[in-house]
Amino acid sequence: MENENNIRMPLIGDNFPDMKVQTTHGMKNIPSDYKGKWFVLFSHPADFTPVCTTEFIAFQNLQDDFLKLNTELIGLSIDQVFSHIKWGEWIKDNMGVEIKFPIIADHGAVAQKLGIVHPGKGSNTVRAVFIVDSVGKLRAMIYYPQELGRNMQEILRAVKALQVSDKNKVAMPADWPNNSVFGDKVIIPPATDVETAKARLKDDSIECKDWWLCYKSLK
C-alpha cells in the first residue's frame, strides 16, 4: 500500500528502485552499477550488534560462492559510513574476517524506499534480503525479525535456483536440490492445453506422476 508520500515497497517482478548511495566502497548507483550482474542487497538492524556480526561473517565466508553465480553482495543499515568502516575493522581484528563487499550508509531514505524500517524498533532496519537479477528486476524478498539471524546457505540456494529456473524454464521443488521425493530433479510447469499434457506422457526425457506433475533431470 502506498503511504502519503507515494512510496511503495517494491514487489517481486518490479524494477529495483533507482538510488544513489554512499557505501564503504564509495558512491554507487543501484541497480545501474550492477547491470549484467545479480546482486543480493541485505539490511541489518545496526552495526556493532552480535547477531549482525555473525551474519556479516557468514556472508563474507560465502562471497566467493555468490561471485561464482555472477552475484554481488551489498549490505545496508541506518548507520554512518564511519561506523561501517570501524565495525569492519573490528570484525577483521577480532574475528579474523575481512568484509570485502560494500555496505550502504543510509540516513533513512533508502530504508523508507524499500519498506524495511523495523516497526516498533526506532530507526533499526529489519533483516531484509532482496535478490535482484542481471536486468535489475526484483526476483525474491525475504524478511526476518530482529531476533532471528539469517541462513545464508538458503539465500545462496535461492539465487542458484532462480538462475537455473531462468535458464531451463523450470521450477524447483521444496528443498531443491535435495528434495525428499525428486532429489535434484526439477519440475516442469503444468501444461496449459490438452495436447501438451498428452505429449509429455510420451516424452522419454520427462517423468510424470500425472499429467500435471512432471519432472526431469538436468544432467
N, C-alpha and C. Protein backbone atom coordinates (compact mmCIF):
# COMPACT_ATOMS: atom_id res chain seq x y z
N MET A 1 0.85 -1.20 0.00
CA MET A 1 0.00 0.00 0.00
C MET A 1 0.89 1.25 0.00
N GLU A 2 0.53 2.24 -0.76
CA GLU A 2 1.30 3.47 -0.82
C GLU A 2 0.97 4.35 0.37
N ASN A 3 2.00 5.03 0.93
CA ASN A 3 1.75 5.96 2.01
C ASN A 3 1.52 7.35 1.45
N GLU A 4 1.49 8.32 2.38
CA GLU A 4 1.15 9.67 1.93
C GLU A 4 2.20 10.26 1.01
N ASN A 5 3.43 9.71 1.02
CA ASN A 5 4.48 10.21 0.15
C ASN A 5 4.60 9.41 -1.14
N ASN A 6 3.62 8.55 -1.39
CA ASN A 6 3.58 7.72 -2.59
C ASN A 6 4.81 6.81 -2.70
N ILE A 7 5.33 6.37 -1.57
CA ILE A 7 6.42 5.41 -1.54
C ILE A 7 5.83 4.03 -1.32
N ARG A 8 6.13 3.12 -2.21
CA ARG A 8 5.58 1.77 -2.11
C ARG A 8 6.71 0.76 -2.04
N MET A 9 6.56 -0.20 -1.14
CA MET A 9 7.54 -1.27 -1.07
C MET A 9 7.62 -1.97 -2.43
N PRO A 10 8.82 -2.21 -2.96
CA PRO A 10 8.92 -2.90 -4.24
C PRO A 10 8.37 -4.32 -4.13
N LEU A 11 7.81 -4.80 -5.21
CA LEU A 11 7.23 -6.14 -5.24
C LEU A 11 8.04 -7.03 -6.18
N ILE A 12 7.92 -8.32 -5.99
CA ILE A 12 8.61 -9.26 -6.86
C ILE A 12 8.18 -9.01 -8.30
N GLY A 13 9.17 -8.89 -9.19
CA GLY A 13 8.90 -8.60 -10.60
C GLY A 13 9.05 -7.14 -10.95
N ASP A 14 9.09 -6.27 -9.92
CA ASP A 14 9.29 -4.84 -10.17
C ASP A 14 10.75 -4.57 -10.56
N ASN A 15 10.95 -3.45 -11.24
CA ASN A 15 12.31 -2.94 -11.38
C ASN A 15 12.78 -2.47 -10.01
N PHE A 16 14.00 -2.83 -9.65
CA PHE A 16 14.50 -2.38 -8.35
C PHE A 16 14.64 -0.87 -8.38
N PRO A 17 14.22 -0.18 -7.32
CA PRO A 17 14.24 1.29 -7.33
C PRO A 17 15.63 1.86 -7.58
N ASP A 18 15.71 2.89 -8.41
CA ASP A 18 16.98 3.57 -8.65
C ASP A 18 17.37 4.38 -7.42
N MET A 19 18.61 4.30 -7.04
CA MET A 19 19.08 5.07 -5.90
C MET A 19 20.59 5.30 -5.99
N LYS A 20 21.01 6.48 -5.57
CA LYS A 20 22.42 6.80 -5.47
C LYS A 20 22.77 6.77 -3.99
N VAL A 21 23.76 5.93 -3.63
CA VAL A 21 24.02 5.68 -2.22
C VAL A 21 25.51 5.81 -1.90
N GLN A 22 25.77 6.22 -0.66
CA GLN A 22 27.13 6.23 -0.13
C GLN A 22 27.42 4.85 0.45
N THR A 23 28.54 4.26 0.08
CA THR A 23 28.92 2.96 0.62
C THR A 23 30.36 3.00 1.11
N THR A 24 30.77 1.93 1.74
CA THR A 24 32.16 1.81 2.18
C THR A 24 33.10 1.66 1.00
N HIS A 25 32.57 1.46 -0.21
CA HIS A 25 33.37 1.41 -1.43
C HIS A 25 33.11 2.63 -2.31
N GLY A 26 32.64 3.72 -1.71
CA GLY A 26 32.37 4.94 -2.46
C GLY A 26 30.92 5.05 -2.89
N MET A 27 30.63 6.07 -3.69
CA MET A 27 29.26 6.28 -4.16
C MET A 27 28.91 5.22 -5.21
N LYS A 28 27.69 4.74 -5.13
CA LYS A 28 27.22 3.76 -6.10
C LYS A 28 25.81 4.10 -6.56
N ASN A 29 25.54 3.78 -7.82
CA ASN A 29 24.19 3.89 -8.37
C ASN A 29 23.62 2.48 -8.49
N ILE A 30 22.56 2.25 -7.76
CA ILE A 30 21.92 0.93 -7.75
C ILE A 30 20.55 1.05 -8.40
N PRO A 31 20.21 0.16 -9.33
CA PRO A 31 20.94 -1.03 -9.76
C PRO A 31 21.88 -0.85 -10.95
N SER A 32 21.98 0.38 -11.50
CA SER A 32 22.68 0.54 -12.78
C SER A 32 24.15 0.13 -12.74
N ASP A 33 24.82 0.33 -11.60
CA ASP A 33 26.22 -0.06 -11.50
C ASP A 33 26.41 -1.57 -11.54
N TYR A 34 25.31 -2.30 -11.37
CA TYR A 34 25.38 -3.77 -11.34
C TYR A 34 24.73 -4.39 -12.59
N LYS A 35 24.55 -3.59 -13.62
CA LYS A 35 23.95 -4.10 -14.85
C LYS A 35 24.76 -5.29 -15.38
N GLY A 36 24.07 -6.36 -15.70
CA GLY A 36 24.73 -7.57 -16.18
C GLY A 36 25.11 -8.53 -15.07
N LYS A 37 24.90 -8.11 -13.83
CA LYS A 37 25.17 -8.96 -12.68
C LYS A 37 23.92 -9.08 -11.80
N TRP A 38 23.85 -10.15 -11.06
CA TRP A 38 22.85 -10.27 -10.00
C TRP A 38 23.45 -9.63 -8.74
N PHE A 39 22.58 -9.21 -7.82
CA PHE A 39 23.10 -8.80 -6.52
C PHE A 39 22.09 -9.14 -5.42
N VAL A 40 22.65 -9.35 -4.23
CA VAL A 40 21.86 -9.57 -3.03
C VAL A 40 22.09 -8.37 -2.13
N LEU A 41 21.05 -7.56 -1.96
CA LEU A 41 21.12 -6.42 -1.05
C LEU A 41 20.43 -6.84 0.25
N PHE A 42 21.17 -6.76 1.35
CA PHE A 42 20.60 -7.21 2.62
C PHE A 42 20.80 -6.14 3.69
N SER A 43 19.78 -5.91 4.48
CA SER A 43 19.85 -4.92 5.54
C SER A 43 20.02 -5.61 6.89
N HIS A 44 20.67 -4.91 7.81
CA HIS A 44 20.82 -5.40 9.17
C HIS A 44 20.40 -4.29 10.13
N PRO A 45 19.96 -4.64 11.34
CA PRO A 45 19.46 -3.61 12.26
C PRO A 45 20.47 -2.53 12.61
N ALA A 46 21.73 -2.92 12.90
CA ALA A 46 22.71 -1.90 13.30
C ALA A 46 24.11 -2.50 13.35
N ASP A 47 25.11 -1.63 13.19
CA ASP A 47 26.50 -2.04 13.37
C ASP A 47 26.77 -2.35 14.85
N PHE A 48 27.85 -3.06 15.08
CA PHE A 48 28.29 -3.38 16.44
C PHE A 48 27.19 -4.06 17.25
N THR A 49 26.48 -4.97 16.61
CA THR A 49 25.49 -5.80 17.32
C THR A 49 25.85 -7.26 17.08
N PRO A 50 25.56 -8.14 18.05
CA PRO A 50 26.06 -9.51 18.00
C PRO A 50 25.57 -10.35 16.82
N VAL A 51 24.25 -10.39 16.61
CA VAL A 51 23.72 -11.24 15.54
C VAL A 51 24.17 -10.73 14.18
N CYS A 52 24.15 -9.43 14.00
CA CYS A 52 24.58 -8.85 12.72
C CYS A 52 26.04 -9.18 12.42
N THR A 53 26.86 -9.19 13.46
CA THR A 53 28.27 -9.54 13.27
C THR A 53 28.41 -10.96 12.74
N THR A 54 27.63 -11.89 13.32
CA THR A 54 27.69 -13.27 12.84
C THR A 54 27.21 -13.37 11.40
N GLU A 55 26.21 -12.55 11.04
CA GLU A 55 25.69 -12.58 9.68
C GLU A 55 26.72 -12.07 8.67
N PHE A 56 27.39 -11.00 9.01
CA PHE A 56 28.38 -10.45 8.08
C PHE A 56 29.54 -11.42 7.87
N ILE A 57 29.94 -12.09 8.92
CA ILE A 57 30.99 -13.10 8.78
C ILE A 57 30.50 -14.23 7.88
N ALA A 58 29.25 -14.65 8.07
CA ALA A 58 28.69 -15.75 7.26
C ALA A 58 28.57 -15.34 5.79
N PHE A 59 28.10 -14.12 5.53
CA PHE A 59 28.02 -13.65 4.15
C PHE A 59 29.41 -13.59 3.52
N GLN A 60 30.38 -13.04 4.26
CA GLN A 60 31.73 -12.93 3.70
C GLN A 60 32.32 -14.30 3.40
N ASN A 61 32.07 -15.26 4.27
CA ASN A 61 32.59 -16.61 4.05
C ASN A 61 32.02 -17.27 2.80
N LEU A 62 30.86 -16.78 2.35
CA LEU A 62 30.24 -17.34 1.14
C LEU A 62 30.37 -16.42 -0.07
N GLN A 63 31.11 -15.33 0.06
CA GLN A 63 31.17 -14.37 -1.04
C GLN A 63 31.67 -15.01 -2.34
N ASP A 64 32.69 -15.85 -2.26
CA ASP A 64 33.21 -16.50 -3.47
C ASP A 64 32.14 -17.36 -4.14
N ASP A 65 31.29 -18.00 -3.32
CA ASP A 65 30.22 -18.83 -3.89
C ASP A 65 29.19 -17.97 -4.61
N PHE A 66 28.89 -16.80 -4.05
CA PHE A 66 27.98 -15.88 -4.73
C PHE A 66 28.62 -15.35 -6.02
N LEU A 67 29.90 -15.01 -5.96
CA LEU A 67 30.58 -14.49 -7.14
C LEU A 67 30.60 -15.50 -8.28
N LYS A 68 30.70 -16.79 -7.95
CA LYS A 68 30.65 -17.83 -8.98
C LYS A 68 29.29 -17.84 -9.69
N LEU A 69 28.28 -17.30 -9.04
CA LEU A 69 26.94 -17.18 -9.63
C LEU A 69 26.72 -15.78 -10.23
N ASN A 70 27.82 -15.05 -10.45
CA ASN A 70 27.74 -13.69 -11.01
C ASN A 70 26.87 -12.79 -10.13
N THR A 71 27.03 -12.96 -8.82
CA THR A 71 26.18 -12.27 -7.86
C THR A 71 27.02 -11.51 -6.83
N GLU A 72 26.74 -10.22 -6.68
CA GLU A 72 27.45 -9.38 -5.72
C GLU A 72 26.64 -9.25 -4.43
N LEU A 73 27.34 -8.97 -3.34
CA LEU A 73 26.70 -8.74 -2.05
C LEU A 73 26.77 -7.25 -1.72
N ILE A 74 25.68 -6.73 -1.13
CA ILE A 74 25.64 -5.33 -0.70
C ILE A 74 24.93 -5.28 0.64
N GLY A 75 25.60 -4.75 1.68
CA GLY A 75 24.97 -4.60 2.98
C GLY A 75 24.33 -3.23 3.13
N LEU A 76 23.53 -3.07 4.19
CA LEU A 76 22.86 -1.78 4.42
C LEU A 76 22.38 -1.69 5.86
N SER A 77 22.55 -0.53 6.47
CA SER A 77 21.86 -0.21 7.72
C SER A 77 21.84 1.30 7.86
N ILE A 78 21.02 1.77 8.79
CA ILE A 78 20.95 3.21 9.05
C ILE A 78 22.06 3.56 10.04
N ASP A 79 23.27 3.61 9.50
CA ASP A 79 24.47 3.97 10.25
C ASP A 79 25.35 4.81 9.33
N GLN A 80 26.22 5.63 9.90
CA GLN A 80 27.14 6.42 9.11
C GLN A 80 28.22 5.53 8.51
N VAL A 81 28.81 5.98 7.42
CA VAL A 81 29.85 5.20 6.76
C VAL A 81 31.03 4.98 7.69
N PHE A 82 31.29 5.94 8.58
CA PHE A 82 32.40 5.80 9.52
C PHE A 82 32.16 4.62 10.47
N SER A 83 30.91 4.44 10.86
CA SER A 83 30.56 3.32 11.72
C SER A 83 30.76 2.00 10.99
N HIS A 84 30.32 1.95 9.73
CA HIS A 84 30.52 0.73 8.93
C HIS A 84 32.00 0.38 8.83
N ILE A 85 32.82 1.39 8.55
CA ILE A 85 34.26 1.16 8.38
C ILE A 85 34.87 0.65 9.69
N LYS A 86 34.53 1.30 10.80
CA LYS A 86 35.09 0.91 12.09
C LYS A 86 34.63 -0.49 12.49
N TRP A 87 33.37 -0.79 12.21
CA TRP A 87 32.84 -2.12 12.53
C TRP A 87 33.57 -3.18 11.70
N GLY A 88 33.79 -2.87 10.43
CA GLY A 88 34.54 -3.80 9.57
C GLY A 88 35.94 -4.04 10.11
N GLU A 89 36.58 -2.97 10.60
CA GLU A 89 37.90 -3.12 11.19
C GLU A 89 37.85 -4.00 12.43
N TRP A 90 36.81 -3.82 13.24
CA TRP A 90 36.66 -4.63 14.46
C TRP A 90 36.51 -6.11 14.10
N ILE A 91 35.68 -6.40 13.10
CA ILE A 91 35.47 -7.79 12.69
C ILE A 91 36.79 -8.40 12.22
N LYS A 92 37.56 -7.65 11.45
CA LYS A 92 38.84 -8.17 10.96
C LYS A 92 39.81 -8.40 12.12
N ASP A 93 39.90 -7.42 13.03
CA ASP A 93 40.87 -7.50 14.12
C ASP A 93 40.50 -8.57 15.15
N ASN A 94 39.20 -8.74 15.40
CA ASN A 94 38.77 -9.62 16.48
C ASN A 94 38.23 -10.97 16.02
N MET A 95 37.77 -11.05 14.78
CA MET A 95 37.19 -12.29 14.28
C MET A 95 37.99 -12.89 13.12
N GLY A 96 38.97 -12.15 12.64
CA GLY A 96 39.83 -12.67 11.59
C GLY A 96 39.20 -12.75 10.22
N VAL A 97 38.13 -11.97 9.98
CA VAL A 97 37.44 -11.98 8.69
C VAL A 97 37.38 -10.56 8.15
N GLU A 98 37.84 -10.37 6.92
CA GLU A 98 37.79 -9.06 6.28
C GLU A 98 36.54 -8.94 5.42
N ILE A 99 35.70 -7.95 5.72
CA ILE A 99 34.48 -7.73 4.95
C ILE A 99 34.85 -7.02 3.66
N LYS A 100 34.65 -7.69 2.54
CA LYS A 100 35.11 -7.16 1.25
C LYS A 100 33.99 -6.62 0.37
N PHE A 101 32.74 -6.78 0.79
CA PHE A 101 31.64 -6.24 -0.01
C PHE A 101 31.23 -4.87 0.53
N PRO A 102 30.62 -4.03 -0.29
CA PRO A 102 30.23 -2.69 0.16
C PRO A 102 29.05 -2.71 1.12
N ILE A 103 29.02 -1.72 2.00
CA ILE A 103 27.91 -1.54 2.94
C ILE A 103 27.36 -0.14 2.75
N ILE A 104 26.06 -0.05 2.49
CA ILE A 104 25.41 1.24 2.28
C ILE A 104 25.24 1.96 3.61
N ALA A 105 25.65 3.23 3.65
CA ALA A 105 25.41 4.09 4.81
C ALA A 105 24.12 4.87 4.55
N ASP A 106 23.06 4.47 5.21
CA ASP A 106 21.74 5.06 4.94
C ASP A 106 21.37 6.03 6.06
N HIS A 107 20.76 7.13 5.67
CA HIS A 107 20.23 8.08 6.66
C HIS A 107 18.73 7.89 6.85
N GLY A 108 18.20 6.84 6.25
CA GLY A 108 16.78 6.53 6.40
C GLY A 108 16.01 6.53 5.11
N ALA A 109 16.49 7.27 4.11
CA ALA A 109 15.75 7.40 2.85
C ALA A 109 15.67 6.08 2.10
N VAL A 110 16.78 5.33 2.05
CA VAL A 110 16.79 4.06 1.34
C VAL A 110 15.89 3.05 2.05
N ALA A 111 16.00 2.99 3.38
CA ALA A 111 15.18 2.06 4.15
C ALA A 111 13.70 2.36 3.98
N GLN A 112 13.33 3.63 3.97
CA GLN A 112 11.94 4.01 3.76
C GLN A 112 11.49 3.60 2.36
N LYS A 113 12.35 3.80 1.38
CA LYS A 113 12.01 3.48 -0.01
C LYS A 113 11.78 1.99 -0.19
N LEU A 114 12.53 1.18 0.55
CA LEU A 114 12.42 -0.27 0.43
C LEU A 114 11.44 -0.87 1.44
N GLY A 115 10.92 -0.05 2.36
CA GLY A 115 9.95 -0.55 3.34
C GLY A 115 10.56 -1.47 4.36
N ILE A 116 11.79 -1.14 4.83
CA ILE A 116 12.48 -2.07 5.72
C ILE A 116 12.80 -1.48 7.09
N VAL A 117 12.12 -0.40 7.48
CA VAL A 117 12.29 0.11 8.84
C VAL A 117 11.49 -0.79 9.77
N HIS A 118 12.16 -1.29 10.81
CA HIS A 118 11.54 -2.26 11.70
C HIS A 118 10.43 -1.61 12.53
N PRO A 119 9.19 -2.10 12.45
CA PRO A 119 8.11 -1.49 13.24
C PRO A 119 8.38 -1.65 14.74
N GLY A 120 8.29 -0.54 15.46
CA GLY A 120 8.47 -0.59 16.90
C GLY A 120 9.91 -0.65 17.35
N LYS A 121 10.87 -0.51 16.42
CA LYS A 121 12.29 -0.61 16.78
C LYS A 121 13.04 0.67 16.43
N GLY A 122 12.37 1.82 16.46
CA GLY A 122 13.02 3.08 16.16
C GLY A 122 13.47 3.14 14.71
N SER A 123 14.76 3.46 14.51
CA SER A 123 15.28 3.58 13.15
C SER A 123 15.97 2.30 12.67
N ASN A 124 15.89 1.23 13.44
CA ASN A 124 16.53 -0.02 13.02
C ASN A 124 15.84 -0.60 11.79
N THR A 125 16.64 -1.16 10.91
CA THR A 125 16.09 -1.85 9.75
C THR A 125 15.88 -3.33 10.05
N VAL A 126 14.90 -3.93 9.39
CA VAL A 126 14.66 -5.35 9.55
C VAL A 126 15.79 -6.11 8.84
N ARG A 127 15.86 -7.42 9.08
CA ARG A 127 16.82 -8.25 8.35
C ARG A 127 16.16 -8.65 7.03
N ALA A 128 16.24 -7.74 6.08
CA ALA A 128 15.62 -7.97 4.77
C ALA A 128 16.66 -8.44 3.77
N VAL A 129 16.21 -9.23 2.80
CA VAL A 129 17.07 -9.70 1.72
C VAL A 129 16.34 -9.44 0.40
N PHE A 130 17.01 -8.75 -0.52
CA PHE A 130 16.47 -8.50 -1.85
C PHE A 130 17.39 -9.16 -2.87
N ILE A 131 16.85 -10.10 -3.64
CA ILE A 131 17.61 -10.74 -4.70
C ILE A 131 17.21 -10.11 -6.02
N VAL A 132 18.18 -9.51 -6.70
CA VAL A 132 17.92 -8.75 -7.93
C VAL A 132 18.71 -9.36 -9.07
N ASP A 133 18.05 -9.52 -10.23
CA ASP A 133 18.71 -10.20 -11.34
C ASP A 133 19.54 -9.24 -12.20
N SER A 134 20.10 -9.77 -13.28
CA SER A 134 21.06 -9.03 -14.09
C SER A 134 20.45 -7.89 -14.89
N VAL A 135 19.13 -7.82 -14.96
CA VAL A 135 18.48 -6.70 -15.64
C VAL A 135 17.78 -5.77 -14.65
N GLY A 136 18.07 -5.95 -13.36
CA GLY A 136 17.54 -5.05 -12.35
C GLY A 136 16.15 -5.36 -11.86
N LYS A 137 15.67 -6.58 -12.11
CA LYS A 137 14.34 -6.99 -11.64
C LYS A 137 14.45 -7.63 -10.26
N LEU A 138 13.55 -7.26 -9.36
CA LEU A 138 13.50 -7.87 -8.04
C LEU A 138 12.89 -9.26 -8.17
N ARG A 139 13.65 -10.29 -7.81
CA ARG A 139 13.22 -11.66 -8.02
C ARG A 139 12.74 -12.35 -6.74
N ALA A 140 13.24 -11.91 -5.60
CA ALA A 140 12.82 -12.53 -4.34
C ALA A 140 13.09 -11.56 -3.20
N MET A 141 12.24 -11.66 -2.16
CA MET A 141 12.42 -10.89 -0.94
C MET A 141 12.23 -11.83 0.24
N ILE A 142 13.08 -11.69 1.25
CA ILE A 142 12.95 -12.48 2.47
C ILE A 142 13.10 -11.52 3.64
N TYR A 143 12.16 -11.56 4.59
CA TYR A 143 12.22 -10.70 5.77
C TYR A 143 12.37 -11.56 7.02
N TYR A 144 13.23 -11.10 7.92
CA TYR A 144 13.41 -11.79 9.19
C TYR A 144 13.22 -10.78 10.33
N PRO A 145 12.75 -11.23 11.49
CA PRO A 145 12.67 -10.33 12.64
C PRO A 145 14.07 -10.06 13.20
N GLN A 146 14.15 -9.07 14.04
CA GLN A 146 15.44 -8.68 14.60
C GLN A 146 16.10 -9.81 15.38
N GLU A 147 15.30 -10.68 15.96
CA GLU A 147 15.83 -11.72 16.85
C GLU A 147 16.40 -12.92 16.09
N LEU A 148 16.15 -13.03 14.79
CA LEU A 148 16.50 -14.23 14.04
C LEU A 148 17.57 -13.96 12.99
N GLY A 149 18.72 -14.57 13.17
CA GLY A 149 19.77 -14.46 12.17
C GLY A 149 19.44 -15.29 10.95
N ARG A 150 19.93 -14.86 9.81
CA ARG A 150 19.59 -15.50 8.54
C ARG A 150 20.40 -16.77 8.27
N ASN A 151 19.87 -17.60 7.38
CA ASN A 151 20.57 -18.78 6.88
C ASN A 151 21.12 -18.41 5.50
N MET A 152 22.41 -18.16 5.40
CA MET A 152 23.00 -17.69 4.16
C MET A 152 23.01 -18.77 3.08
N GLN A 153 23.08 -20.03 3.50
CA GLN A 153 23.02 -21.12 2.52
C GLN A 153 21.68 -21.11 1.79
N GLU A 154 20.61 -20.74 2.48
CA GLU A 154 19.30 -20.66 1.83
C GLU A 154 19.25 -19.52 0.82
N ILE A 155 19.89 -18.39 1.15
CA ILE A 155 19.94 -17.27 0.22
C ILE A 155 20.75 -17.65 -1.01
N LEU A 156 21.86 -18.33 -0.80
CA LEU A 156 22.68 -18.81 -1.92
C LEU A 156 21.88 -19.80 -2.77
N ARG A 157 21.16 -20.70 -2.12
CA ARG A 157 20.31 -21.68 -2.83
C ARG A 157 19.25 -20.97 -3.66
N ALA A 158 18.67 -19.90 -3.11
CA ALA A 158 17.62 -19.18 -3.83
C ALA A 158 18.17 -18.54 -5.10
N VAL A 159 19.36 -17.95 -5.02
CA VAL A 159 19.97 -17.34 -6.20
C VAL A 159 20.23 -18.41 -7.26
N LYS A 160 20.84 -19.51 -6.85
CA LYS A 160 21.14 -20.59 -7.79
C LYS A 160 19.87 -21.14 -8.42
N ALA A 161 18.84 -21.35 -7.60
CA ALA A 161 17.58 -21.91 -8.10
C ALA A 161 16.93 -20.98 -9.12
N LEU A 162 16.93 -19.68 -8.84
CA LEU A 162 16.34 -18.72 -9.77
C LEU A 162 17.10 -18.70 -11.10
N GLN A 163 18.41 -18.80 -11.04
CA GLN A 163 19.20 -18.80 -12.27
C GLN A 163 18.98 -20.07 -13.08
N VAL A 164 18.89 -21.21 -12.40
CA VAL A 164 18.61 -22.47 -13.09
C VAL A 164 17.21 -22.44 -13.70
N SER A 165 16.27 -21.87 -12.97
CA SER A 165 14.90 -21.75 -13.46
C SER A 165 14.84 -20.89 -14.72
N ASP A 166 15.54 -19.75 -14.70
CA ASP A 166 15.57 -18.87 -15.86
C ASP A 166 16.17 -19.57 -17.08
N LYS A 167 17.26 -20.27 -16.87
CA LYS A 167 17.98 -20.90 -17.98
C LYS A 167 17.20 -22.04 -18.60
N ASN A 168 16.48 -22.79 -17.76
CA ASN A 168 15.84 -24.02 -18.23
C ASN A 168 14.31 -23.97 -18.27
N LYS A 169 13.73 -22.85 -17.87
CA LYS A 169 12.27 -22.67 -17.86
C LYS A 169 11.59 -23.76 -17.05
N VAL A 170 12.11 -23.96 -15.85
CA VAL A 170 11.57 -24.98 -14.96
C VAL A 170 11.33 -24.36 -13.59
N ALA A 171 10.73 -25.15 -12.69
CA ALA A 171 10.52 -24.72 -11.31
C ALA A 171 11.23 -25.71 -10.38
N MET A 172 11.46 -25.26 -9.16
CA MET A 172 12.20 -26.08 -8.21
C MET A 172 11.29 -26.63 -7.13
N PRO A 173 11.41 -27.93 -6.81
CA PRO A 173 10.61 -28.49 -5.72
C PRO A 173 11.16 -28.03 -4.37
N ALA A 174 10.43 -28.32 -3.31
CA ALA A 174 10.88 -27.98 -1.95
C ALA A 174 12.25 -28.56 -1.68
N ASP A 175 13.09 -27.77 -1.03
CA ASP A 175 14.42 -28.19 -0.60
C ASP A 175 15.36 -28.53 -1.76
N TRP A 176 15.02 -28.16 -2.98
CA TRP A 176 15.91 -28.43 -4.11
C TRP A 176 17.29 -27.87 -3.80
N PRO A 177 18.35 -28.59 -4.10
CA PRO A 177 18.43 -29.83 -4.90
C PRO A 177 18.41 -31.12 -4.09
N ASN A 178 17.80 -31.08 -2.91
CA ASN A 178 17.75 -32.26 -2.05
C ASN A 178 16.31 -32.58 -1.65
N ASN A 179 15.42 -32.56 -2.63
CA ASN A 179 14.02 -32.85 -2.35
C ASN A 179 13.85 -34.30 -1.93
N SER A 180 12.95 -34.55 -0.98
CA SER A 180 12.79 -35.90 -0.44
C SER A 180 12.16 -36.87 -1.44
N VAL A 181 11.50 -36.35 -2.48
CA VAL A 181 10.86 -37.21 -3.49
C VAL A 181 11.64 -37.21 -4.79
N PHE A 182 12.01 -36.02 -5.27
CA PHE A 182 12.60 -35.89 -6.60
C PHE A 182 14.11 -35.66 -6.59
N GLY A 183 14.72 -35.55 -5.42
CA GLY A 183 16.15 -35.30 -5.36
C GLY A 183 16.49 -33.97 -6.01
N ASP A 184 17.44 -33.98 -6.99
CA ASP A 184 17.84 -32.74 -7.65
C ASP A 184 17.12 -32.52 -8.98
N LYS A 185 16.09 -33.32 -9.24
CA LYS A 185 15.31 -33.13 -10.46
C LYS A 185 14.43 -31.88 -10.32
N VAL A 186 14.03 -31.34 -11.46
CA VAL A 186 13.28 -30.08 -11.47
C VAL A 186 11.87 -30.31 -12.01
N ILE A 187 11.00 -29.40 -11.65
CA ILE A 187 9.58 -29.50 -12.02
C ILE A 187 9.33 -28.78 -13.34
N ILE A 188 8.59 -29.43 -14.21
CA ILE A 188 8.18 -28.80 -15.46
C ILE A 188 6.85 -28.10 -15.21
N PRO A 189 6.73 -26.83 -15.55
CA PRO A 189 5.47 -26.11 -15.31
C PRO A 189 4.28 -26.86 -15.91
N PRO A 190 3.13 -26.85 -15.23
CA PRO A 190 1.96 -27.58 -15.71
C PRO A 190 1.56 -27.21 -17.13
N ALA A 191 1.10 -28.20 -17.88
CA ALA A 191 0.63 -27.97 -19.25
C ALA A 191 -0.61 -27.09 -19.23
N THR A 192 -0.74 -26.26 -20.26
CA THR A 192 -1.89 -25.36 -20.33
C THR A 192 -2.89 -25.76 -21.41
N ASP A 193 -2.61 -26.90 -22.08
CA ASP A 193 -3.57 -27.38 -23.06
C ASP A 193 -3.48 -28.92 -23.12
N VAL A 194 -4.49 -29.53 -23.67
CA VAL A 194 -4.61 -30.99 -23.68
C VAL A 194 -3.49 -31.64 -24.48
N GLU A 195 -3.15 -31.10 -25.62
CA GLU A 195 -2.14 -31.72 -26.47
C GLU A 195 -0.77 -31.75 -25.79
N THR A 196 -0.42 -30.65 -25.12
CA THR A 196 0.86 -30.61 -24.41
C THR A 196 0.88 -31.61 -23.27
N ALA A 197 -0.23 -31.73 -22.58
CA ALA A 197 -0.33 -32.69 -21.48
C ALA A 197 -0.14 -34.11 -21.98
N LYS A 198 -0.74 -34.45 -23.12
CA LYS A 198 -0.60 -35.80 -23.68
C LYS A 198 0.82 -36.05 -24.18
N ALA A 199 1.41 -35.04 -24.80
CA ALA A 199 2.75 -35.19 -25.35
C ALA A 199 3.78 -35.46 -24.27
N ARG A 200 3.59 -34.86 -23.13
CA ARG A 200 4.55 -35.06 -22.04
C ARG A 200 4.59 -36.51 -21.57
N LEU A 201 3.47 -37.14 -21.58
CA LEU A 201 3.39 -38.53 -21.13
C LEU A 201 4.14 -39.47 -22.07
N LYS A 202 4.45 -39.00 -23.28
CA LYS A 202 5.16 -39.82 -24.27
C LYS A 202 6.63 -39.43 -24.42
N ASP A 203 7.06 -38.39 -23.70
CA ASP A 203 8.43 -37.88 -23.81
C ASP A 203 9.33 -38.67 -22.86
N ASP A 204 10.33 -39.37 -23.40
CA ASP A 204 11.20 -40.22 -22.59
C ASP A 204 12.09 -39.43 -21.64
N SER A 205 12.29 -38.15 -21.91
CA SER A 205 13.14 -37.34 -21.04
C SER A 205 12.38 -36.78 -19.84
N ILE A 206 11.08 -37.00 -19.85
CA ILE A 206 10.22 -36.45 -18.80
C ILE A 206 9.58 -37.59 -18.01
N GLU A 207 9.57 -37.47 -16.69
CA GLU A 207 8.86 -38.41 -15.83
C GLU A 207 7.63 -37.71 -15.27
N CYS A 208 6.54 -38.45 -15.12
CA CYS A 208 5.31 -37.84 -14.62
C CYS A 208 4.63 -38.73 -13.59
N LYS A 209 4.16 -38.14 -12.54
CA LYS A 209 3.26 -38.83 -11.61
C LYS A 209 1.83 -38.74 -12.14
N ASP A 210 1.58 -37.70 -12.87
CA ASP A 210 0.30 -37.46 -13.55
C ASP A 210 0.58 -36.37 -14.57
N TRP A 211 -0.40 -36.02 -15.42
CA TRP A 211 -0.14 -35.06 -16.48
C TRP A 211 0.24 -33.69 -15.94
N TRP A 212 -0.18 -33.38 -14.70
CA TRP A 212 0.08 -32.06 -14.15
C TRP A 212 1.32 -32.03 -13.24
N LEU A 213 1.88 -33.19 -12.96
CA LEU A 213 3.05 -33.26 -12.09
C LEU A 213 4.16 -34.02 -12.81
N CYS A 214 4.94 -33.25 -13.58
CA CYS A 214 6.03 -33.84 -14.38
C CYS A 214 7.35 -33.22 -13.97
N TYR A 215 8.40 -33.98 -14.11
CA TYR A 215 9.73 -33.53 -13.66
C TYR A 215 10.78 -34.18 -14.53
N LYS A 216 12.00 -33.66 -14.46
CA LYS A 216 13.07 -34.22 -15.26
C LYS A 216 14.42 -33.92 -14.63
N SER A 217 15.44 -34.60 -15.09
CA SER A 217 16.80 -34.34 -14.65
C SER A 217 17.44 -33.34 -15.61
N LEU A 218 18.30 -32.49 -15.07
CA LEU A 218 19.04 -31.54 -15.91
C LEU A 218 20.42 -32.07 -16.27
N LYS A 219 20.76 -33.24 -15.78
CA LYS A 219 22.09 -33.81 -16.05
C LYS A 219 22.16 -34.39 -17.46
